[in-house]
Amino acid sequence: MANIKSAEKRILVIEKKTALNKSRKSEIKTYIKKFENAVNAGDLVEAKVLLNIIDKKLKRAAHKNVLHKNTVARKVSRLTKKLNQAM
């Protein structure tokens, strides 16, 4: 355990940020699962709406340094490709 006051504060800040990042990643994964279920069920209108939401959430995560921008680009690309193949 840290003995210096600034180190103790950093531990608390890191715990909060870790929880927030985990929450954001979990939310994105949930939307991706909903998207894949919609595509598999043939509900392309719902899938298109979900893709827009996912795109926005992923770009926000990249902006906040939760995910790398190339990771975001890859995920959006793959999901878009999956939607286009289903059409």
PDB file of N, CA and C in Angstrom:
ATOM      1  N   MET A   1       0.844  -1.181   0.000  1.00  0.00           N
ATOM      2  CA  MET A   1       0.000   0.000   0.000  1.00  0.00           C
ATOM      3  C   MET A   1       0.890   1.245   0.000  1.00  0.00           C
ATOM      4  N   ALA A   2       0.394   2.288  -0.636  1.00  0.00           N
ATOM      5  CA  ALA A   2       1.164   3.521  -0.759  1.00  0.00           C
ATOM      6  C   ALA A   2       1.239   4.273   0.566  1.00  0.00           C
ATOM      7  N   ASN A   3       2.393   4.872   0.811  1.00  0.00           N
ATOM      8  CA  ASN A   3       2.577   5.672   2.020  1.00  0.00           C
ATOM      9  C   ASN A   3       2.484   7.159   1.736  1.00  0.00           C
ATOM     10  N   ILE A   4       2.712   7.548   0.503  1.00  0.00           N
ATOM     11  CA  ILE A   4       2.696   8.959   0.123  1.00  0.00           C
ATOM     12  C   ILE A   4       1.273   9.357  -0.258  1.00  0.00           C
ATOM     13  N   LYS A   5       0.884  10.557   0.189  1.00  0.00           N
ATOM     14  CA  LYS A   5      -0.489  11.002  -0.002  1.00  0.00           C
ATOM     15  C   LYS A   5      -0.870  11.085  -1.487  1.00  0.00           C
ATOM     16  N   SER A   6       0.022  11.571  -2.318  1.00  0.00           N
ATOM     17  CA  SER A   6      -0.280  11.691  -3.747  1.00  0.00           C
ATOM     18  C   SER A   6      -0.445  10.313  -4.385  1.00  0.00           C
ATOM     19  N   ALA A   7       0.328   9.342  -3.922  1.00  0.00           N
ATOM     20  CA  ALA A   7       0.209   7.979  -4.455  1.00  0.00           C
ATOM     21  C   ALA A   7      -1.124   7.354  -4.042  1.00  0.00           C
ATOM     22  N   GLU A   8      -1.563   7.642  -2.808  1.00  0.00           N
ATOM     23  CA  GLU A   8      -2.869   7.162  -2.351  1.00  0.00           C
ATOM     24  C   GLU A   8      -3.984   7.744  -3.201  1.00  0.00           C
ATOM     25  N   LYS A   9      -3.861   9.034  -3.519  1.00  0.00           N
ATOM     26  CA  LYS A   9      -4.874   9.688  -4.356  1.00  0.00           C
ATOM     27  C   LYS A   9      -4.894   9.062  -5.750  1.00  0.00           C
ATOM     28  N   ARG A  10      -3.720   8.799  -6.319  1.00  0.00           N
ATOM     29  CA  ARG A  10      -3.653   8.204  -7.656  1.00  0.00           C
ATOM     30  C   ARG A  10      -4.339   6.842  -7.673  1.00  0.00           C
ATOM     31  N   ILE A  11      -4.185   6.081  -6.601  1.00  0.00           N
ATOM     32  CA  ILE A  11      -4.832   4.769  -6.522  1.00  0.00           C
ATOM     33  C   ILE A  11      -6.347   4.928  -6.586  1.00  0.00           C
ATOM     34  N   LEU A  12      -6.871   5.899  -5.855  1.00  0.00           N
ATOM     35  CA  LEU A  12      -8.319   6.134  -5.865  1.00  0.00           C
ATOM     36  C   LEU A  12      -8.805   6.589  -7.240  1.00  0.00           C
ATOM     37  N   VAL A  13      -8.041   7.493  -7.855  1.00  0.00           N
ATOM     38  CA  VAL A  13      -8.421   8.005  -9.176  1.00  0.00           C
ATOM     39  C   VAL A  13      -8.405   6.879 -10.211  1.00  0.00           C
ATOM     40  N   ILE A  14      -7.381   6.041 -10.150  1.00  0.00           N
ATOM     41  CA  ILE A  14      -7.266   4.925 -11.099  1.00  0.00           C
ATOM     42  C   ILE A  14      -8.422   3.948 -10.930  1.00  0.00           C
ATOM     43  N   GLU A  15      -8.820   3.682  -9.692  1.00  0.00           N
ATOM     44  CA  GLU A  15      -9.961   2.787  -9.452  1.00  0.00           C
ATOM     45  C   GLU A  15     -11.236   3.332 -10.078  1.00  0.00           C
ATOM     46  N   LYS A  16     -11.458   4.633  -9.939  1.00  0.00           N
ATOM     47  CA  LYS A  16     -12.653   5.255 -10.523  1.00  0.00           C
ATOM     48  C   LYS A  16     -12.619   5.187 -12.043  1.00  0.00           C
ATOM     49  N   LYS A  17     -11.459   5.511 -12.620  1.00  0.00           N
ATOM     50  CA  LYS A  17     -11.338   5.500 -14.074  1.00  0.00           C
ATOM     51  C   LYS A  17     -11.458   4.084 -14.634  1.00  0.00           C
ATOM     52  N   THR A  18     -10.909   3.109 -13.911  1.00  0.00           N
ATOM     53  CA  THR A  18     -11.002   1.717 -14.348  1.00  0.00           C
ATOM     54  C   THR A  18     -12.459   1.266 -14.377  1.00  0.00           C
ATOM     55  N   ALA A  19     -13.212   1.642 -13.347  1.00  0.00           N
ATOM     56  CA  ALA A  19     -14.632   1.280 -13.291  1.00  0.00           C
ATOM     57  C   ALA A  19     -15.402   1.927 -14.440  1.00  0.00           C
ATOM     58  N   LEU A  20     -15.104   3.190 -14.738  1.00  0.00           N
ATOM     59  CA  LEU A  20     -15.789   3.892 -15.820  1.00  0.00           C
ATOM     60  C   LEU A  20     -15.448   3.272 -17.175  1.00  0.00           C
ATOM     61  N   ASN A  21     -14.169   2.953 -17.390  1.00  0.00           N
ATOM     62  CA  ASN A  21     -13.751   2.333 -18.648  1.00  0.00           C
ATOM     63  C   ASN A  21     -14.394   0.961 -18.824  1.00  0.00           C
ATOM     64  N   LYS A  22     -14.460   0.201 -17.742  1.00  0.00           N
ATOM     65  CA  LYS A  22     -15.076  -1.127 -17.796  1.00  0.00           C
ATOM     66  C   LYS A  22     -16.552  -1.012 -18.149  1.00  0.00           C
ATOM     67  N   SER A  23     -17.213  -0.014 -17.576  1.00  0.00           N
ATOM     68  CA  SER A  23     -18.622   0.225 -17.858  1.00  0.00           C
ATOM     69  C   SER A  23     -18.841   0.575 -19.328  1.00  0.00           C
ATOM     70  N   ARG A  24     -17.987   1.446 -19.858  1.00  0.00           N
ATOM     71  CA  ARG A  24     -18.115   1.846 -21.266  1.00  0.00           C
ATOM     72  C   ARG A  24     -17.902   0.657 -22.195  1.00  0.00           C
ATOM     73  N   LYS A  25     -16.881  -0.153 -21.916  1.00  0.00           N
ATOM     74  CA  LYS A  25     -16.607  -1.321 -22.754  1.00  0.00           C
ATOM     75  C   LYS A  25     -17.757  -2.316 -22.700  1.00  0.00           C
ATOM     76  N   SER A  26     -18.294  -2.512 -21.512  1.00  0.00           N
ATOM     77  CA  SER A  26     -19.404  -3.450 -21.339  1.00  0.00           C
ATOM     78  C   SER A  26     -20.630  -2.985 -22.117  1.00  0.00           C
ATOM     79  N   GLU A  27     -20.908  -1.684 -22.069  1.00  0.00           N
ATOM     80  CA  GLU A  27     -22.050  -1.132 -22.793  1.00  0.00           C
ATOM     81  C   GLU A  27     -21.889  -1.353 -24.297  1.00  0.00           C
ATOM     82  N   ILE A  28     -20.686  -1.121 -24.802  1.00  0.00           N
ATOM     83  CA  ILE A  28     -20.423  -1.311 -26.233  1.00  0.00           C
ATOM     84  C   ILE A  28     -20.619  -2.780 -26.624  1.00  0.00           C
ATOM     85  N   LYS A  29     -20.107  -3.691 -25.792  1.00  0.00           N
ATOM     86  CA  LYS A  29     -20.251  -5.118 -26.076  1.00  0.00           C
ATOM     87  C   LYS A  29     -21.722  -5.538 -26.095  1.00  0.00           C
ATOM     88  N   THR A  30     -22.512  -4.955 -25.199  1.00  0.00           N
ATOM     89  CA  THR A  30     -23.946  -5.255 -25.157  1.00  0.00           C
ATOM     90  C   THR A  30     -24.623  -4.815 -26.446  1.00  0.00           C
ATOM     91  N   TYR A  31     -24.305  -3.602 -26.909  1.00  0.00           N
ATOM     92  CA  TYR A  31     -24.892  -3.115 -28.156  1.00  0.00           C
ATOM     93  C   TYR A  31     -24.464  -3.969 -29.349  1.00  0.00           C
ATOM     94  N   ILE A  32     -23.218  -4.435 -29.349  1.00  0.00           N
ATOM     95  CA  ILE A  32     -22.739  -5.278 -30.448  1.00  0.00           C
ATOM     96  C   ILE A  32     -23.510  -6.604 -30.462  1.00  0.00           C
ATOM     97  N   LYS A  33     -23.761  -7.173 -29.290  1.00  0.00           N
ATOM     98  CA  LYS A  33     -24.549  -8.413 -29.222  1.00  0.00           C
ATOM     99  C   LYS A  33     -25.966  -8.186 -29.743  1.00  0.00           C
ATOM    100  N   LYS A  34     -26.578  -7.058 -29.377  1.00  0.00           N
ATOM    101  CA  LYS A  34     -27.922  -6.740 -29.862  1.00  0.00           C
ATOM    102  C   LYS A  34     -27.903  -6.593 -31.385  1.00  0.00           C
ATOM    103  N   PHE A  35     -26.841  -5.949 -31.905  1.00  0.00           N
ATOM    104  CA  PHE A  35     -26.695  -5.770 -33.349  1.00  0.00           C
ATOM    105  C   PHE A  35     -26.611  -7.115 -34.055  1.00  0.00           C
ATOM    106  N   GLU A  36     -25.779  -8.003 -33.537  1.00  0.00           N
ATOM    107  CA  GLU A  36     -25.602  -9.318 -34.175  1.00  0.00           C
ATOM    108  C   GLU A  36     -26.885 -10.134 -34.114  1.00  0.00           C
ATOM    109  N   ASN A  37     -27.618 -10.032 -33.010  1.00  0.00           N
ATOM    110  CA  ASN A  37     -28.907 -10.726 -32.918  1.00  0.00           C
ATOM    111  C   ASN A  37     -29.903 -10.175 -33.927  1.00  0.00           C
ATOM    112  N   ALA A  38     -29.897  -8.861 -34.129  1.00  0.00           N
ATOM    113  CA  ALA A  38     -30.804  -8.242 -35.094  1.00  0.00           C
ATOM    114  C   ALA A  38     -30.460  -8.679 -36.517  1.00  0.00           C
ATOM    115  N   VAL A  39     -29.173  -8.736 -36.835  1.00  0.00           N
ATOM    116  CA  VAL A  39     -28.748  -9.159 -38.176  1.00  0.00           C
ATOM    117  C   VAL A  39     -29.131 -10.617 -38.407  1.00  0.00           C
ATOM    118  N   ASN A  40     -28.889 -11.452 -37.411  1.00  0.00           N
ATOM    119  CA  ASN A  40     -29.215 -12.877 -37.548  1.00  0.00           C
ATOM    120  C   ASN A  40     -30.721 -13.102 -37.668  1.00  0.00           C
ATOM    121  N   ALA A  41     -31.512 -12.258 -37.020  1.00  0.00           N
ATOM    122  CA  ALA A  41     -32.968 -12.381 -37.086  1.00  0.00           C
ATOM    123  C   ALA A  41     -33.533 -11.758 -38.365  1.00  0.00           C
ATOM    124  N   GLY A  42     -32.700 -11.032 -39.100  1.00  0.00           N
ATOM    125  CA  GLY A  42     -33.152 -10.419 -40.344  1.00  0.00           C
ATOM    126  C   GLY A  42     -33.788  -9.054 -40.147  1.00  0.00           C
ATOM    127  N   ASP A  43     -33.682  -8.486 -38.965  1.00  0.00           N
ATOM    128  CA  ASP A  43     -34.254  -7.164 -38.673  1.00  0.00           C
ATOM    129  C   ASP A  43     -33.211  -6.107 -39.032  1.00  0.00           C
ATOM    130  N   LEU A  44     -33.122  -5.789 -40.325  1.00  0.00           N
ATOM    131  CA  LEU A  44     -32.057  -4.924 -40.809  1.00  0.00           C
ATOM    132  C   LEU A  44     -32.262  -3.461 -40.428  1.00  0.00           C
ATOM    133  N   VAL A  45     -33.502  -3.036 -40.264  1.00  0.00           N
ATOM    134  CA  VAL A  45     -33.764  -1.650 -39.859  1.00  0.00           C
ATOM    135  C   VAL A  45     -33.238  -1.423 -38.440  1.00  0.00           C
ATOM    136  N   GLU A  46     -33.547  -2.362 -37.563  1.00  0.00           N
ATOM    137  CA  GLU A  46     -33.056  -2.282 -36.178  1.00  0.00           C
ATOM    138  C   GLU A  46     -31.527  -2.366 -36.141  1.00  0.00           C
ATOM    139  N   ALA A  47     -30.965  -3.212 -36.984  1.00  0.00           N
ATOM    140  CA  ALA A  47     -29.508  -3.369 -37.034  1.00  0.00           C
ATOM    141  C   ALA A  47     -28.842  -2.072 -37.476  1.00  0.00           C
ATOM    142  N   LYS A  48     -29.461  -1.384 -38.426  1.00  0.00           N
ATOM    143  CA  LYS A  48     -28.902  -0.127 -38.918  1.00  0.00           C
ATOM    144  C   LYS A  48     -28.908   0.938 -37.827  1.00  0.00           C
ATOM    145  N   VAL A  49     -29.998   0.995 -37.062  1.00  0.00           N
ATOM    146  CA  VAL A  49     -30.089   1.943 -35.944  1.00  0.00           C
ATOM    147  C   VAL A  49     -29.032   1.616 -34.892  1.00  0.00           C
ATOM    148  N   LEU A  50     -28.895   0.336 -34.581  1.00  0.00           N
ATOM    149  CA  LEU A  50     -27.895  -0.079 -33.593  1.00  0.00           C
ATOM    150  C   LEU A  50     -26.478   0.210 -34.067  1.00  0.00           C
ATOM    151  N   LEU A  51     -26.231   0.063 -35.365  1.00  0.00           N
ATOM    152  CA  LEU A  51     -24.898   0.342 -35.894  1.00  0.00           C
ATOM    153  C   LEU A  51     -24.538   1.811 -35.700  1.00  0.00           C
ATOM    154  N   ASN A  52     -25.502   2.704 -35.895  1.00  0.00           N
ATOM    155  CA  ASN A  52     -25.242   4.129 -35.673  1.00  0.00           C
ATOM    156  C   ASN A  52     -24.912   4.398 -34.213  1.00  0.00           C
ATOM    157  N   ILE A  53     -25.634   3.760 -33.314  1.00  0.00           N
ATOM    158  CA  ILE A  53     -25.382   3.927 -31.877  1.00  0.00           C
ATOM    159  C   ILE A  53     -23.993   3.389 -31.519  1.00  0.00           C
ATOM    160  N   ILE A  54     -23.675   2.208 -32.046  1.00  0.00           N
ATOM    161  CA  ILE A  54     -22.378   1.592 -31.770  1.00  0.00           C
ATOM    162  C   ILE A  54     -21.249   2.480 -32.278  1.00  0.00           C
ATOM    163  N   ASP A  55     -21.413   3.014 -33.478  1.00  0.00           N
ATOM    164  CA  ASP A  55     -20.403   3.884 -34.070  1.00  0.00           C
ATOM    165  C   ASP A  55     -20.134   5.080 -33.161  1.00  0.00           C
ATOM    166  N   LYS A  56     -21.193   5.710 -32.701  1.00  0.00           N
ATOM    167  CA  LYS A  56     -21.059   6.878 -31.828  1.00  0.00           C
ATOM    168  C   LYS A  56     -20.368   6.510 -30.514  1.00  0.00           C
ATOM    169  N   LYS A  57     -20.778   5.395 -29.920  1.00  0.00           N
ATOM    170  CA  LYS A  57     -20.195   4.969 -28.639  1.00  0.00           C
ATOM    171  C   LYS A  57     -18.720   4.597 -28.802  1.00  0.00           C
ATOM    172  N   LEU A  58     -18.387   3.919 -29.893  1.00  0.00           N
ATOM    173  CA  LEU A  58     -16.996   3.538 -30.118  1.00  0.00           C
ATOM    174  C   LEU A  58     -16.111   4.761 -30.344  1.00  0.00           C
ATOM    175  N   LYS A  59     -16.582   5.705 -31.121  1.00  0.00           N
ATOM    176  CA  LYS A  59     -15.789   6.915 -31.366  1.00  0.00           C
ATOM    177  C   LYS A  59     -15.607   7.725 -30.089  1.00  0.00           C
ATOM    178  N   ARG A  60     -16.639   7.739 -29.251  1.00  0.00           N
ATOM    179  CA  ARG A  60     -16.525   8.408 -27.957  1.00  0.00           C
ATOM    180  C   ARG A  60     -15.479   7.706 -27.085  1.00  0.00           C
ATOM    181  N   ALA A  61     -15.468   6.380 -27.113  1.00  0.00           N
ATOM    182  CA  ALA A  61     -14.494   5.611 -26.342  1.00  0.00           C
ATOM    183  C   ALA A  61     -13.070   5.872 -26.839  1.00  0.00           C
ATOM    184  N   ALA A  62     -12.913   6.013 -28.142  1.00  0.00           N
ATOM    185  CA  ALA A  62     -11.594   6.310 -28.698  1.00  0.00           C
ATOM    186  C   ALA A  62     -11.151   7.709 -28.275  1.00  0.00           C
ATOM    187  N   HIS A  63     -12.080   8.634 -28.278  1.00  0.00           N
ATOM    188  CA  HIS A  63     -11.768  10.010 -27.883  1.00  0.00           C
ATOM    189  C   HIS A  63     -11.346  10.074 -26.418  1.00  0.00           C
ATOM    190  N   LYS A  64     -11.950   9.236 -25.586  1.00  0.00           N
ATOM    191  CA  LYS A  64     -11.642   9.200 -24.155  1.00  0.00           C
ATOM    192  C   LYS A  64     -10.488   8.258 -23.824  1.00  0.00           C
ATOM    193  N   ASN A  65      -9.827   7.700 -24.849  1.00  0.00           N
ATOM    194  CA  ASN A  65      -8.699   6.772 -24.694  1.00  0.00           C
ATOM    195  C   ASN A  65      -9.068   5.491 -23.951  1.00  0.00           C
ATOM    196  N   VAL A  66     -10.316   5.060 -24.106  1.00  0.00           N
ATOM    197  CA  VAL A  66     -10.722   3.766 -23.568  1.00  0.00           C
ATOM    198  C   VAL A  66     -10.298   2.679 -24.555  1.00  0.00           C
ATOM    199  N   LEU A  67     -10.458   2.968 -25.840  1.00  0.00           N
ATOM    200  CA  LEU A  67     -10.048   2.063 -26.910  1.00  0.00           C
ATOM    201  C   LEU A  67      -9.150   2.829 -27.883  1.00  0.00           C
ATOM    202  N   HIS A  68      -8.273   2.118 -28.571  1.00  0.00           N
ATOM    203  CA  HIS A  68      -7.422   2.739 -29.576  1.00  0.00           C
ATOM    204  C   HIS A  68      -8.246   3.051 -30.820  1.00  0.00           C
ATOM    205  N   LYS A  69      -7.897   4.118 -31.515  1.00  0.00           N
ATOM    206  CA  LYS A  69      -8.687   4.537 -32.677  1.00  0.00           C
ATOM    207  C   LYS A  69      -8.691   3.499 -33.790  1.00  0.00           C
ATOM    208  N   ASN A  70      -7.600   2.754 -33.950  1.00  0.00           N
ATOM    209  CA  ASN A  70      -7.565   1.714 -34.982  1.00  0.00           C
ATOM    210  C   ASN A  70      -8.473   0.542 -34.617  1.00  0.00           C
ATOM    211  N   THR A  71      -8.569   0.258 -33.329  1.00  0.00           N
ATOM    212  CA  THR A  71      -9.474  -0.791 -32.858  1.00  0.00           C
ATOM    213  C   THR A  71     -10.909  -0.404 -33.173  1.00  0.00           C
ATOM    214  N   VAL A  72     -11.226   0.857 -32.941  1.00  0.00           N
ATOM    215  CA  VAL A  72     -12.572   1.365 -33.219  1.00  0.00           C
ATOM    216  C   VAL A  72     -12.868   1.266 -34.705  1.00  0.00           C
ATOM    217  N   ALA A  73     -11.925   1.693 -35.527  1.00  0.00           N
ATOM    218  CA  ALA A  73     -12.120   1.654 -36.977  1.00  0.00           C
ATOM    219  C   ALA A  73     -12.336   0.220 -37.455  1.00  0.00           C
ATOM    220  N   ARG A  74     -11.573  -0.717 -36.902  1.00  0.00           N
ATOM    221  CA  ARG A  74     -11.703  -2.120 -37.288  1.00  0.00           C
ATOM    222  C   ARG A  74     -13.072  -2.676 -36.904  1.00  0.00           C
ATOM    223  N   LYS A  75     -13.516  -2.380 -35.691  1.00  0.00           N
ATOM    224  CA  LYS A  75     -14.807  -2.884 -35.231  1.00  0.00           C
ATOM    225  C   LYS A  75     -15.954  -2.317 -36.065  1.00  0.00           C
ATOM    226  N   VAL A  76     -15.936  -1.021 -36.329  1.00  0.00           N
ATOM    227  CA  VAL A  76     -16.995  -0.395 -37.129  1.00  0.00           C
ATOM    228  C   VAL A  76     -16.995  -0.971 -38.538  1.00  0.00           C
ATOM    229  N   SER A  77     -15.809  -1.159 -39.096  1.00  0.00           N
ATOM    230  CA  SER A  77     -15.688  -1.708 -40.444  1.00  0.00           C
ATOM    231  C   SER A  77     -16.280  -3.109 -40.533  1.00  0.00           C
ATOM    232  N   ARG A  78     -15.950  -3.951 -39.568  1.00  0.00           N
ATOM    233  CA  ARG A  78     -16.443  -5.326 -39.585  1.00  0.00           C
ATOM    234  C   ARG A  78     -17.955  -5.390 -39.406  1.00  0.00           C
ATOM    235  N   LEU A  79     -18.483  -4.545 -38.521  1.00  0.00           N
ATOM    236  CA  LEU A  79     -19.928  -4.538 -38.297  1.00  0.00           C
ATOM    237  C   LEU A  79     -20.668  -4.019 -39.526  1.00  0.00           C
ATOM    238  N   THR A  80     -20.111  -2.983 -40.156  1.00  0.00           N
ATOM    239  CA  THR A  80     -20.722  -2.440 -41.371  1.00  0.00           C
ATOM    240  C   THR A  80     -20.716  -3.479 -42.483  1.00  0.00           C
ATOM    241  N   LYS A  81     -19.610  -4.193 -42.602  1.00  0.00           N
ATOM    242  CA  LYS A  81     -19.497  -5.241 -43.619  1.00  0.00           C
ATOM    243  C   LYS A  81     -20.529  -6.336 -43.366  1.00  0.00           C
ATOM    244  N   LYS A  82     -20.716  -6.704 -42.105  1.00  0.00           N
ATOM    245  CA  LYS A  82     -21.688  -7.739 -41.744  1.00  0.00           C
ATOM    246  C   LYS A  82     -23.107  -7.296 -42.112  1.00  0.00           C
ATOM    247  N   LEU A  83     -23.401  -6.019 -41.851  1.00  0.00           N
ATOM    248  CA  LEU A  83     -24.729  -5.480 -42.184  1.00  0.00           C
ATOM    249  C   LEU A  83     -24.948  -5.452 -43.688  1.00  0.00           C
ATOM    250  N   ASN A  84     -23.939  -5.012 -44.434  1.00  0.00           N
ATOM    251  CA  ASN A  84     -24.063  -4.927 -45.890  1.00  0.00           C
ATOM    252  C   ASN A  84     -24.214  -6.305 -46.541  1.00  0.00           C
ATOM    253  N   GLN A  85     -23.556  -7.309 -45.979  1.00  0.00           N
ATOM    254  CA  GLN A  85     -23.679  -8.666 -46.522  1.00  0.00           C
ATOM    255  C   GLN A  85     -25.063  -9.234 -46.251  1.00  0.00           C
ATOM    256  N   ALA A  86     -25.674  -8.795 -45.155  1.00  0.00           N
ATOM    257  CA  ALA A  86     -27.000  -9.301 -44.799  1.00  0.00           C
ATOM    258  C   ALA A  86     -28.096  -8.684 -45.681  1.00  0.00           C
ATOM    259  N   MET A  87     -27.806  -7.535 -46.262  1.00  0.00           N
ATOM    260  CA  MET A  87     -28.812  -6.840 -47.081  1.00  0.00           C
ATOM    261  C   MET A  87     -29.004  -7.470 -48.424  1.00  0.00           C
TER     262      MET A  87
END
